[in-house]
Amino acid sequence: MGNKYYLGIDQGTTGTTALIFDEEWDICGKGYVEHTQYYPKPGWVEHNPIEIWEKVKESVALALKKAGLKATDLRALGIANQGETCMAWNKNTGEPIYNAIVWQDRRTANESDKLKEKYGDIITGKTGVPVDSYFSALKIKWILNNTKDALIEAEKGNILAGTLDTWLIWKMTGGKVFVTDYSTASRTMLYNIHNKQWDNEIIDIIGIPKAVLPEIMNSSGTFGNTSPSVFFDADIPITGSIVDQAAALFGQACFKEGTVKTTYGTGCFMLMNTGDRPVQSKNGLVTTVVWGIDKNFTYALDAGVYIAGAAVQWLRDGLKIINNAAETEAMAKSVSDSGGVYFVPAFSGLAAPYWDQYARGTLLGITGGTKREHIVRATLEAIAFQVAENMEIMKKDSGISIDVMRVDGGAVVNEFLMQFQADILGIPVDVPKIHETTAMGVAFLSAFGIGDFNSLDAVSQKWKLRKRYLPSISDDERKSLMKGWKKAVKRSLNWIEKE
């Protein structure tokens, strides 16, 4: 056989990206297909799991076509998943019993508050994550409790539940393999990061049958092979599976303690590698497993911003003041500042460091002179401010200094945003040559899983820099801008009355 080809699938919140890499780790084929977002009630967000499975296959077909390859040419594949988004299905029919409930969904907010009051310290101590409706546990419980006969069938062993990696691997292997990996398990609020298994006490507290949960495996290794009858007539080893943000950390070659990456997608996620020790945050960050390789675990501090790219999407679809995201760069540069406007995009509450699910979006500082360019600029600045706040907390919690931030995701093409991000952080921001690092990270893991890399150093050598942004404003200016931002956030907090 000639060249080696690896497939990385990034099954994300708004769509699925499939990238095929050659052995030089250049992209030779790409597919991207969006899927539908369902909003059945305010605060509810769902996906159709069958549609996602079909769109994954469509995006892979596009990538193969562009690369001029057949699926049988692929040496291995890896899957990165959305994280907390989860579902349940009938193992005999293969049919989902309800839509997948997306990480952004807030339907379990009230129950989460009650659970936090009673068991918050126990759950966070064991899992590293705060009790919040963001994580999978209460979503799975909701599906089982609100779907006819689901609990009865689950007790009989007929129902399987899991995150979307579990579903996709189950589908790809023709229903033979029911697994997840350590990084994704750590996003469920059911996984004990100390003894490295599902936590029976928490499972009992939440009230879901343990039998519905998958087996947990290393993030790199053999999960199973695709079944030719359902996946492009090919028998491909699935050798990487990991949660999306951890995949991006891996794709950014952030293997040393203190290395940091931020992914700009629908939301915005910053992870700092803390090495082989879980660092407990005193300020609302999440302690998470990023990968398990050969039973060796790497941990990270994780700071999530719910709304990043989604705020730009809202300018396009909600306010209709832009036609596409690409316009925002020139518009933001066309004004010298935001004209005193601050926009806090708390559409579904605020994540780290506030964890306020009752906060709501707030636009402040508007005057008669405010133009749409100011609002667009304030929207981009809001993304950077949220990242800067999280970085401050990360440094404080870990005691590790951060010298540079590696960035990825769709928004890194926006030069205004990247420059403002470097300015507000006061450190360089590095954009890699390939900014779809989630798909790249899981493709790296799949190559690692079949032994085509023999060390993390070998992976590091494949990372290539495209552009470095250096900070260009004074400390005083930085402090003044951050002060205004924090003042704006205060106004948005606790806006919705608790029921």
Protein backbone atom coordinates (compact mmCIF):
# COMPACT_ATOMS: atom_id res chain seq x y z
CA MET A 1 0.00 0.00 0.00
CA GLY A 2 1.24 3.51 -0.82
CA ASN A 3 0.38 6.52 1.29
CA LYS A 4 -1.20 6.36 4.71
CA TYR A 5 -4.50 8.19 5.18
CA TYR A 6 -6.28 8.99 8.44
CA LEU A 7 -9.86 10.18 8.94
CA GLY A 8 -10.79 12.59 11.73
CA ILE A 9 -14.52 13.15 12.31
CA ASP A 10 -15.55 16.16 14.38
CA GLN A 11 -19.23 15.72 15.19
CA GLY A 12 -20.03 19.22 16.46
CA THR A 13 -23.02 21.17 17.70
CA THR A 14 -24.02 22.72 14.38
CA GLY A 15 -22.52 20.25 11.95
CA THR A 16 -20.04 17.47 11.22
CA THR A 17 -16.56 18.02 9.77
CA ALA A 18 -14.66 15.10 8.24
CA LEU A 19 -11.00 15.62 7.41
CA ILE A 20 -8.69 13.17 5.67
CA PHE A 21 -4.97 13.63 6.36
CA ASP A 22 -2.06 12.17 4.45
CA GLU A 23 1.10 10.98 6.17
CA GLU A 24 2.61 14.49 6.03
CA TRP A 25 -0.46 15.61 8.05
CA ASP A 26 -1.74 17.89 5.33
CA ILE A 27 -5.47 17.85 4.59
CA CYS A 28 -6.26 16.05 1.36
CA GLY A 29 -10.05 15.85 1.70
CA LYS A 30 -12.69 17.75 3.64
CA GLY A 31 -16.44 17.41 4.13
CA TYR A 32 -18.75 19.57 6.22
CA VAL A 33 -22.51 19.13 6.61
CA GLU A 34 -24.83 21.01 8.97
CA HIS A 35 -27.71 19.39 10.85
CA THR A 36 -30.95 20.83 12.20
CA GLN A 37 -31.26 22.51 15.60
CA TYR A 38 -34.61 21.88 17.31
CA TYR A 39 -35.98 24.26 19.96
CA PRO A 40 -39.22 22.62 21.18
CA LYS A 41 -39.63 25.07 24.10
CA PRO A 42 -37.68 28.10 25.39
CA GLY A 43 -34.36 26.87 26.82
CA TRP A 44 -34.69 23.44 25.18
CA VAL A 45 -32.24 22.37 22.44
CA GLU A 46 -32.36 19.01 20.65
CA HIS A 47 -30.78 17.11 17.74
CA ASN A 48 -32.14 14.17 15.78
CA PRO A 49 -29.62 11.30 16.29
CA ILE A 50 -30.62 9.52 13.06
CA GLU A 51 -30.06 12.75 11.13
CA ILE A 52 -26.64 13.15 12.78
CA TRP A 53 -25.67 9.60 11.76
CA GLU A 54 -26.72 10.33 8.16
CA LYS A 55 -24.85 13.66 8.13
CA VAL A 56 -21.68 12.01 9.47
CA LYS A 57 -21.77 9.62 6.52
CA GLU A 58 -22.46 12.52 4.12
CA SER A 59 -19.49 14.52 5.41
CA VAL A 60 -17.19 11.46 5.15
CA ALA A 61 -18.43 10.82 1.59
CA LEU A 62 -17.60 14.43 0.66
CA ALA A 63 -14.12 14.18 2.17
CA LEU A 64 -13.40 10.90 0.35
CA LYS A 65 -14.62 12.38 -2.93
CA LYS A 66 -12.41 15.47 -2.57
CA ALA A 67 -9.42 13.31 -1.67
CA GLY A 68 -10.12 10.97 -4.59
CA LEU A 69 -10.02 8.01 -2.20
CA LYS A 70 -12.16 5.03 -1.27
CA ALA A 71 -12.95 4.29 2.38
CA THR A 72 -10.84 1.14 2.09
CA ASP A 73 -7.79 3.43 1.60
CA LEU A 74 -8.14 4.71 5.18
CA ARG A 75 -5.76 3.27 7.75
CA ALA A 76 -7.78 4.33 10.79
CA LEU A 77 -10.43 6.77 11.92
CA GLY A 78 -11.19 8.76 15.04
CA ILE A 79 -14.33 10.49 16.29
CA ALA A 80 -14.54 13.67 18.35
CA ASN A 81 -17.92 14.34 19.95
CA GLN A 82 -19.93 17.27 21.33
CA GLY A 83 -19.34 16.31 24.94
CA GLU A 84 -22.38 16.59 27.16
CA THR A 85 -25.03 16.10 24.43
CA CYS A 86 -26.62 12.72 25.10
CA MET A 87 -29.41 10.34 24.11
CA ALA A 88 -30.95 6.93 24.70
CA TRP A 89 -31.97 4.23 22.23
CA ASN A 90 -33.50 0.78 22.05
CA LYS A 91 -30.68 -1.70 21.62
CA ASN A 92 -32.90 -4.22 19.80
CA THR A 93 -34.41 -1.88 17.21
CA GLY A 94 -31.55 0.66 17.12
CA GLU A 95 -34.16 3.45 17.29
CA PRO A 96 -33.59 6.50 19.52
CA ILE A 97 -36.36 6.70 22.15
CA TYR A 98 -36.15 10.52 22.16
CA ASN A 99 -34.07 13.21 20.43
CA ALA A 100 -30.55 13.89 21.69
CA ILE A 101 -30.60 16.61 24.36
CA VAL A 102 -27.88 19.15 23.53
CA TRP A 103 -25.31 20.50 26.01
CA GLN A 104 -26.89 23.99 25.77
CA ASP A 105 -30.31 22.68 26.92
CA ARG A 106 -31.56 24.09 30.24
CA ARG A 107 -34.69 21.98 30.89
CA THR A 108 -33.11 20.37 33.95
CA ALA A 109 -32.02 23.69 35.53
CA ASN A 110 -34.48 23.54 38.45
CA GLU A 111 -33.70 19.93 39.24
CA SER A 112 -30.01 20.75 39.00
CA ASP A 113 -30.43 23.53 41.61
CA LYS A 114 -32.08 21.12 44.06
CA LEU A 115 -29.43 18.46 43.45
CA LYS A 116 -26.64 21.01 43.95
CA GLU A 117 -28.08 22.14 47.29
CA LYS A 118 -28.27 18.60 48.63
CA TYR A 119 -25.34 16.79 47.00
CA GLY A 120 -23.23 19.48 45.28
CA ASP A 121 -20.06 18.95 47.31
CA ILE A 122 -20.15 15.15 47.00
CA ILE A 123 -20.73 15.21 43.23
CA THR A 124 -18.14 17.91 42.48
CA GLY A 125 -15.58 16.28 44.77
CA LYS A 126 -15.87 12.99 42.89
CA THR A 127 -16.44 14.16 39.31
CA GLY A 128 -14.53 17.47 39.16
CA VAL A 129 -17.54 19.20 37.59
CA PRO A 130 -20.08 21.52 39.22
CA VAL A 131 -23.66 20.28 39.40
CA ASP A 132 -25.25 21.94 36.38
CA SER A 133 -27.84 21.11 33.74
CA TYR A 134 -25.02 21.47 31.17
CA PHE A 135 -23.73 17.96 31.93
CA SER A 136 -25.29 14.68 30.72
CA ALA A 137 -26.54 12.98 33.90
CA LEU A 138 -29.82 14.85 34.41
CA LYS A 139 -30.51 14.89 30.65
CA ILE A 140 -30.32 11.06 30.56
CA LYS A 141 -32.59 10.90 33.61
CA TRP A 142 -35.05 13.27 31.93
CA ILE A 143 -35.23 11.10 28.78
CA LEU A 144 -35.77 7.91 30.81
CA ASN A 145 -38.41 9.56 33.02
CA ASN A 146 -40.29 11.31 30.22
CA THR A 147 -40.41 8.64 27.53
CA LYS A 148 -43.14 5.98 27.76
CA ASP A 149 -41.93 2.71 29.34
CA ALA A 150 -38.27 3.81 29.06
CA LEU A 151 -37.38 3.12 32.69
CA ILE A 152 -39.08 -0.29 32.64
CA GLU A 153 -37.25 -1.21 29.41
CA ALA A 154 -33.98 0.18 30.83
CA GLU A 155 -34.30 -2.05 33.91
CA LYS A 156 -34.74 -5.02 31.54
CA GLY A 157 -31.50 -4.07 29.76
CA ASN A 158 -33.19 -3.03 26.50
CA ILE A 159 -32.19 0.65 26.60
CA LEU A 160 -28.72 2.05 25.97
CA ALA A 161 -27.81 5.64 26.85
CA GLY A 162 -24.75 7.68 26.09
CA THR A 163 -23.09 10.65 24.53
CA LEU A 164 -22.87 10.94 20.74
CA ASP A 165 -19.50 9.15 20.48
CA THR A 166 -21.17 6.08 21.97
CA TRP A 167 -24.05 6.30 19.50
CA LEU A 168 -21.78 6.80 16.46
CA ILE A 169 -19.41 3.96 17.38
CA TRP A 170 -22.42 1.72 18.02
CA LYS A 171 -23.85 2.65 14.59
CA MET A 172 -20.51 2.31 12.76
CA THR A 173 -19.83 -1.13 14.20
CA GLY A 174 -23.32 -2.35 13.31
CA GLY A 175 -24.44 -2.37 16.96
CA LYS A 176 -21.50 -4.49 18.14
CA VAL A 177 -19.60 -2.01 20.32
CA PHE A 178 -21.04 0.03 23.22
CA VAL A 179 -18.28 2.25 24.61
CA THR A 180 -17.15 5.76 25.50
CA ASP A 181 -13.74 7.13 26.42
CA TYR A 182 -12.45 8.62 29.69
CA SER A 183 -12.54 12.24 28.46
CA THR A 184 -16.20 12.04 27.41
CA ALA A 185 -17.20 10.08 30.52
CA SER A 186 -15.78 12.93 32.59
CA ARG A 187 -18.37 15.29 31.00
CA THR A 188 -21.38 13.30 32.23
CA MET A 189 -21.30 14.19 35.98
CA LEU A 190 -21.38 10.40 36.60
CA TYR A 191 -17.68 9.56 36.30
CA ASN A 192 -15.36 9.46 39.30
CA ILE A 193 -12.06 11.06 38.22
CA HIS A 194 -10.24 9.57 41.21
CA ASN A 195 -11.07 5.86 40.87
CA LYS A 196 -11.57 6.18 37.09
CA GLN A 197 -14.97 4.53 36.77
CA TRP A 198 -18.70 5.22 36.80
CA ASP A 199 -19.61 6.28 40.34
CA ASN A 200 -22.29 4.03 41.84
CA GLU A 201 -23.22 6.49 44.59
CA ILE A 202 -23.87 9.32 42.11
CA ILE A 203 -25.74 6.99 39.75
CA ASP A 204 -28.03 6.07 42.69
CA ILE A 205 -28.46 9.71 43.76
CA ILE A 206 -29.45 10.72 40.22
CA GLY A 207 -31.60 7.64 39.79
CA ILE A 208 -30.66 6.03 36.50
CA PRO A 209 -29.99 2.31 36.00
CA LYS A 210 -26.24 1.66 35.68
CA ALA A 211 -26.93 -0.92 32.95
CA VAL A 212 -27.74 1.86 30.45
CA LEU A 213 -24.18 3.24 30.56
CA PRO A 214 -21.36 2.20 28.17
CA GLU A 215 -17.98 0.66 28.96
CA ILE A 216 -15.21 3.28 29.38
CA MET A 217 -12.00 2.91 27.36
CA ASN A 218 -8.73 4.73 26.61
CA SER A 219 -9.03 7.64 24.16
CA SER A 220 -6.57 5.96 21.81
CA GLY A 221 -6.61 2.24 21.09
CA THR A 222 -8.89 -0.21 19.32
CA PHE A 223 -12.60 0.48 19.88
CA GLY A 224 -13.75 -1.80 17.09
CA ASN A 225 -13.95 -1.83 13.30
CA THR A 226 -16.54 -0.26 11.04
CA SER A 227 -19.05 -2.72 9.64
CA PRO A 228 -18.83 -2.80 5.80
CA SER A 229 -22.62 -3.27 5.59
CA VAL A 230 -23.28 0.18 7.13
CA PHE A 231 -20.10 2.17 6.48
CA PHE A 232 -18.85 2.52 2.88
CA ASP A 233 -18.18 -1.21 2.36
CA ALA A 234 -15.08 -0.80 4.53
CA ASP A 235 -13.65 -2.48 7.58
CA ILE A 236 -11.74 0.44 9.17
CA PRO A 237 -10.21 0.33 12.67
CA ILE A 238 -11.79 2.97 14.97
CA THR A 239 -8.75 3.84 17.09
CA GLY A 240 -9.45 7.30 18.49
CA SER A 241 -12.44 8.67 20.39
CA ILE A 242 -12.44 11.75 22.54
CA VAL A 243 -14.52 14.74 23.56
CA ASP A 244 -14.20 17.68 21.15
CA GLN A 245 -12.33 20.12 23.39
CA ALA A 246 -9.81 17.49 24.46
CA ALA A 247 -9.35 16.58 20.79
CA ALA A 248 -8.50 20.20 20.04
CA LEU A 249 -5.98 20.27 22.92
CA PHE A 250 -4.38 17.14 21.43
CA GLY A 251 -4.51 18.61 17.91
CA GLN A 252 -2.77 21.73 19.21
CA ALA A 253 0.01 19.50 20.61
CA CYS A 254 -0.57 20.94 24.09
CA PHE A 255 1.15 18.02 25.80
CA LYS A 256 3.14 19.89 28.45
CA GLU A 257 1.79 21.14 31.76
CA GLY A 258 0.65 24.77 31.44
CA THR A 259 0.03 24.68 27.70
CA VAL A 260 -3.32 26.21 26.76
CA LYS A 261 -5.65 26.21 23.78
CA THR A 262 -8.89 28.02 23.13
CA THR A 263 -11.40 26.81 20.55
CA TYR A 264 -13.77 29.35 19.05
CA GLY A 265 -16.93 27.61 17.91
CA THR A 266 -20.61 27.95 18.77
CA GLY A 267 -19.32 28.31 22.31
CA CYS A 268 -15.75 29.02 23.33
CA PHE A 269 -13.63 26.55 25.26
CA MET A 270 -10.30 27.01 26.94
CA LEU A 271 -8.33 24.06 28.26
CA MET A 272 -5.08 24.06 30.19
CA ASN A 273 -3.07 20.87 30.44
CA THR A 274 -2.35 20.27 34.17
CA GLY A 275 -0.38 17.07 33.58
CA ASP A 276 -1.08 13.89 35.50
CA ARG A 277 -2.83 15.62 38.40
CA PRO A 278 -6.40 16.88 38.62
CA VAL A 279 -6.37 20.50 39.83
CA GLN A 280 -9.51 21.40 41.79
CA SER A 281 -10.72 24.90 40.93
CA LYS A 282 -11.84 27.24 43.68
CA ASN A 283 -13.41 29.58 41.14
CA GLY A 284 -15.88 27.60 39.09
CA LEU A 285 -13.68 26.01 36.44
CA VAL A 286 -14.15 22.36 35.57
CA THR A 287 -11.52 19.71 36.32
CA THR A 288 -11.61 17.16 33.56
CA VAL A 289 -9.81 14.16 32.07
CA VAL A 290 -8.57 15.08 28.60
CA TRP A 291 -7.23 11.73 27.52
CA GLY A 292 -6.31 8.32 28.77
CA ILE A 293 -3.55 6.60 26.81
CA ASP A 294 -2.27 3.21 28.01
CA LYS A 295 -4.08 3.84 31.31
CA ASN A 296 -2.04 7.05 31.82
CA PHE A 297 -4.31 10.01 32.37
CA THR A 298 -3.83 13.64 31.46
CA TYR A 299 -6.03 16.23 33.17
CA ALA A 300 -6.99 19.78 32.34
CA LEU A 301 -8.74 22.78 33.76
CA ASP A 302 -11.62 23.64 31.50
CA ALA A 303 -13.35 26.97 31.16
CA GLY A 304 -16.43 27.11 28.98
CA VAL A 305 -18.11 30.11 27.39
CA TYR A 306 -21.59 29.12 26.17
CA ILE A 307 -21.98 31.75 23.47
CA ALA A 308 -19.19 32.81 21.10
CA GLY A 309 -19.84 32.14 17.41
CA ALA A 310 -23.51 31.80 18.29
CA ALA A 311 -23.56 35.54 19.12
CA VAL A 312 -22.30 36.34 15.62
CA GLN A 313 -24.92 33.96 14.22
CA TRP A 314 -27.53 35.96 16.16
CA LEU A 315 -26.33 39.21 14.55
CA ARG A 316 -26.98 37.49 11.21
CA ASP A 317 -30.21 35.57 11.86
CA GLY A 318 -31.76 37.39 14.82
CA LEU A 319 -30.89 41.08 14.36
CA LYS A 320 -30.14 40.72 10.63
CA ILE A 321 -27.45 43.44 10.80
CA ILE A 322 -24.87 41.30 8.96
CA ASN A 323 -25.20 38.92 6.02
CA ASN A 324 -22.40 36.60 7.06
CA ALA A 325 -19.74 36.17 9.75
CA ALA A 326 -16.93 37.17 7.37
CA GLU A 327 -18.25 40.78 7.23
CA THR A 328 -17.70 41.33 10.95
CA GLU A 329 -13.93 41.82 10.63
CA ALA A 330 -14.13 44.83 8.29
CA MET A 331 -17.10 46.27 10.21
CA ALA A 332 -15.29 46.05 13.56
CA LYS A 333 -12.15 47.63 12.06
CA SER A 334 -14.19 50.47 10.52
CA VAL A 335 -14.78 52.05 13.96
CA SER A 336 -11.95 53.02 16.32
CA ASP A 337 -13.64 51.39 19.33
CA SER A 338 -17.04 50.05 20.37
CA GLY A 339 -18.30 53.54 21.21
CA GLY A 340 -18.72 52.52 24.85
CA VAL A 341 -21.03 49.63 23.91
CA TYR A 342 -20.69 46.33 25.79
CA PHE A 343 -22.59 43.21 24.82
CA VAL A 344 -22.88 40.29 27.26
CA PRO A 345 -24.17 37.36 25.16
CA ALA A 346 -25.71 35.39 28.05
CA PHE A 347 -28.44 33.87 25.85
CA SER A 348 -28.67 30.75 28.00
CA GLY A 349 -26.95 31.88 31.17
CA LEU A 350 -23.24 32.29 31.83
CA ALA A 351 -20.75 29.44 32.29
CA ALA A 352 -17.33 29.78 33.94
CA PRO A 353 -16.48 31.68 36.05
CA TYR A 354 -20.02 32.82 36.99
CA TRP A 355 -22.15 29.66 36.56
CA ASP A 356 -25.31 31.73 36.53
CA GLN A 357 -28.03 29.99 34.54
CA TYR A 358 -30.40 32.90 35.22
CA ALA A 359 -28.21 35.55 33.52
CA ARG A 360 -29.48 36.83 30.14
CA GLY A 361 -28.05 38.74 27.18
CA THR A 362 -27.45 42.42 27.80
CA LEU A 363 -26.50 45.28 25.46
CA LEU A 364 -25.25 48.32 27.36
CA GLY A 365 -23.82 51.77 26.72
CA ILE A 366 -26.04 52.52 23.73
CA THR A 367 -26.31 56.20 22.74
CA GLY A 368 -27.87 58.04 19.83
CA GLY A 369 -24.53 57.71 18.07
CA THR A 370 -24.39 53.90 18.28
CA LYS A 371 -24.17 52.27 14.85
CA ARG A 372 -24.41 48.62 13.86
CA GLU A 373 -20.61 48.61 13.48
CA HIS A 374 -20.31 49.35 17.21
CA ILE A 375 -22.64 46.47 18.06
CA VAL A 376 -20.70 44.12 15.78
CA ARG A 377 -17.40 45.20 17.34
CA ALA A 378 -18.83 44.83 20.87
CA THR A 379 -19.95 41.28 19.95
CA LEU A 380 -16.45 40.25 18.86
CA GLU A 381 -14.92 41.97 21.89
CA ALA A 382 -17.32 40.05 24.16
CA ILE A 383 -15.85 36.76 22.94
CA ALA A 384 -12.33 37.96 23.81
CA PHE A 385 -13.37 39.37 27.21
CA GLN A 386 -14.93 36.06 28.25
CA VAL A 387 -11.75 34.19 27.28
CA ALA A 388 -9.58 36.71 29.20
CA GLU A 389 -11.64 36.33 32.38
CA ASN A 390 -11.28 32.58 32.22
CA MET A 391 -7.54 32.76 31.67
CA GLU A 392 -7.07 34.90 34.78
CA ILE A 393 -8.87 32.29 36.85
CA MET A 394 -6.94 29.45 35.29
CA LYS A 395 -3.64 31.05 36.29
CA LYS A 396 -4.93 31.67 39.82
CA ASP A 397 -6.30 28.14 40.33
CA SER A 398 -3.35 26.24 38.89
CA GLY A 399 -0.52 28.48 40.02
CA ILE A 400 0.90 27.99 36.52
CA SER A 401 1.81 30.97 34.34
CA ILE A 402 0.62 31.06 30.73
CA ASP A 403 3.07 32.37 28.12
CA VAL A 404 1.10 31.88 24.91
CA MET A 405 -2.35 30.81 23.84
CA ARG A 406 -2.89 28.48 20.87
CA VAL A 407 -6.23 29.04 19.19
CA ASP A 408 -8.45 27.17 16.74
CA GLY A 409 -11.99 26.98 15.42
CA GLY A 410 -13.83 28.96 12.77
CA ALA A 411 -13.35 32.43 14.27
CA VAL A 412 -9.53 32.39 14.11
CA VAL A 413 -9.75 33.66 10.53
CA ASN A 414 -11.09 36.94 11.98
CA GLU A 415 -7.97 39.08 12.32
CA PHE A 416 -9.70 41.77 14.35
CA LEU A 417 -10.83 39.21 16.94
CA MET A 418 -7.41 37.53 17.17
CA GLN A 419 -5.58 40.84 17.57
CA PHE A 420 -8.06 42.06 20.19
CA GLN A 421 -7.70 38.71 21.97
CA ALA A 422 -3.90 39.11 22.17
CA ASP A 423 -4.37 42.73 23.32
CA ILE A 424 -6.79 41.85 26.11
CA LEU A 425 -4.77 38.81 27.27
CA GLY A 426 -1.40 40.56 27.15
CA ILE A 427 0.28 37.44 25.68
CA PRO A 428 0.85 36.15 22.13
CA VAL A 429 -1.95 34.28 20.37
CA ASP A 430 -0.81 31.53 17.98
CA VAL A 431 -2.93 30.40 15.04
CA PRO A 432 -1.87 27.04 13.58
CA LYS A 433 -1.66 26.26 9.89
CA ILE A 434 -4.59 23.86 10.27
CA HIS A 435 -7.19 25.48 12.50
CA GLU A 436 -9.63 22.55 12.45
CA THR A 437 -7.64 21.03 15.28
CA THR A 438 -10.53 19.01 16.73
CA ALA A 439 -10.68 16.73 13.68
CA MET A 440 -6.90 16.82 13.47
CA GLY A 441 -6.49 15.88 17.15
CA VAL A 442 -8.71 12.84 16.84
CA ALA A 443 -6.95 11.81 13.61
CA PHE A 444 -3.63 12.08 15.53
CA LEU A 445 -5.13 9.85 18.25
CA SER A 446 -6.28 7.30 15.68
CA ALA A 447 -2.75 7.16 14.21
CA PHE A 448 -1.38 6.84 17.74
CA GLY A 449 -3.89 4.07 18.41
CA ILE A 450 -2.52 1.89 15.60
CA GLY A 451 1.11 2.61 16.48
CA ASP A 452 1.91 5.03 13.63
CA PHE A 453 3.16 7.52 16.25
CA ASN A 454 5.41 6.15 18.96
CA SER A 455 5.47 9.25 21.20
CA LEU A 456 3.71 12.55 21.87
CA ASP A 457 6.89 14.34 20.76
CA ALA A 458 6.45 12.77 17.33
CA VAL A 459 2.92 14.26 17.22
CA SER A 460 4.25 17.70 18.33
CA GLN A 461 6.54 17.83 15.32
CA LYS A 462 3.51 17.79 13.02
CA TRP A 463 2.07 21.01 14.49
CA LYS A 464 2.69 24.02 12.20
CA LEU A 465 2.31 27.75 13.02
CA ARG A 466 0.50 30.01 10.55
CA LYS A 467 0.44 33.37 12.35
CA ARG A 468 1.33 34.87 15.71
CA TYR A 469 -0.56 37.93 17.09
CA LEU A 470 1.34 40.06 19.60
CA PRO A 471 -0.36 42.35 22.18
CA SER A 472 -0.31 46.01 21.13
CA ILE A 473 -2.10 47.97 23.88
CA SER A 474 -0.95 49.29 27.26
CA ASP A 475 -1.72 47.68 30.62
CA ASP A 476 -3.85 50.70 31.57
CA GLU A 477 -5.96 50.37 28.44
CA ARG A 478 -6.35 46.64 29.05
CA LYS A 479 -7.46 47.19 32.66
CA SER A 480 -9.91 49.90 31.68
CA LEU A 481 -11.55 47.71 29.01
CA MET A 482 -11.81 44.74 31.41
CA LYS A 483 -13.31 46.96 34.11
CA GLY A 484 -16.08 48.02 31.73
CA TRP A 485 -16.73 44.42 30.77
CA LYS A 486 -17.04 43.24 34.40
CA LYS A 487 -19.44 46.10 35.11
CA ALA A 488 -21.57 45.01 32.13
CA VAL A 489 -21.60 41.36 33.26
CA LYS A 490 -22.85 42.42 36.71
CA ARG A 491 -25.91 43.96 35.05
CA SER A 492 -26.76 40.71 33.28
CA LEU A 493 -26.54 38.38 36.28
CA ASN A 494 -29.59 36.73 37.81
CA TRP A 495 -31.94 38.42 35.32
CA ILE A 496 -34.55 35.66 35.21
CA GLU A 497 -36.41 35.12 38.46
CA LYS A 498 -35.99 31.60 39.83
CA GLU A 499 -39.27 29.71 39.70
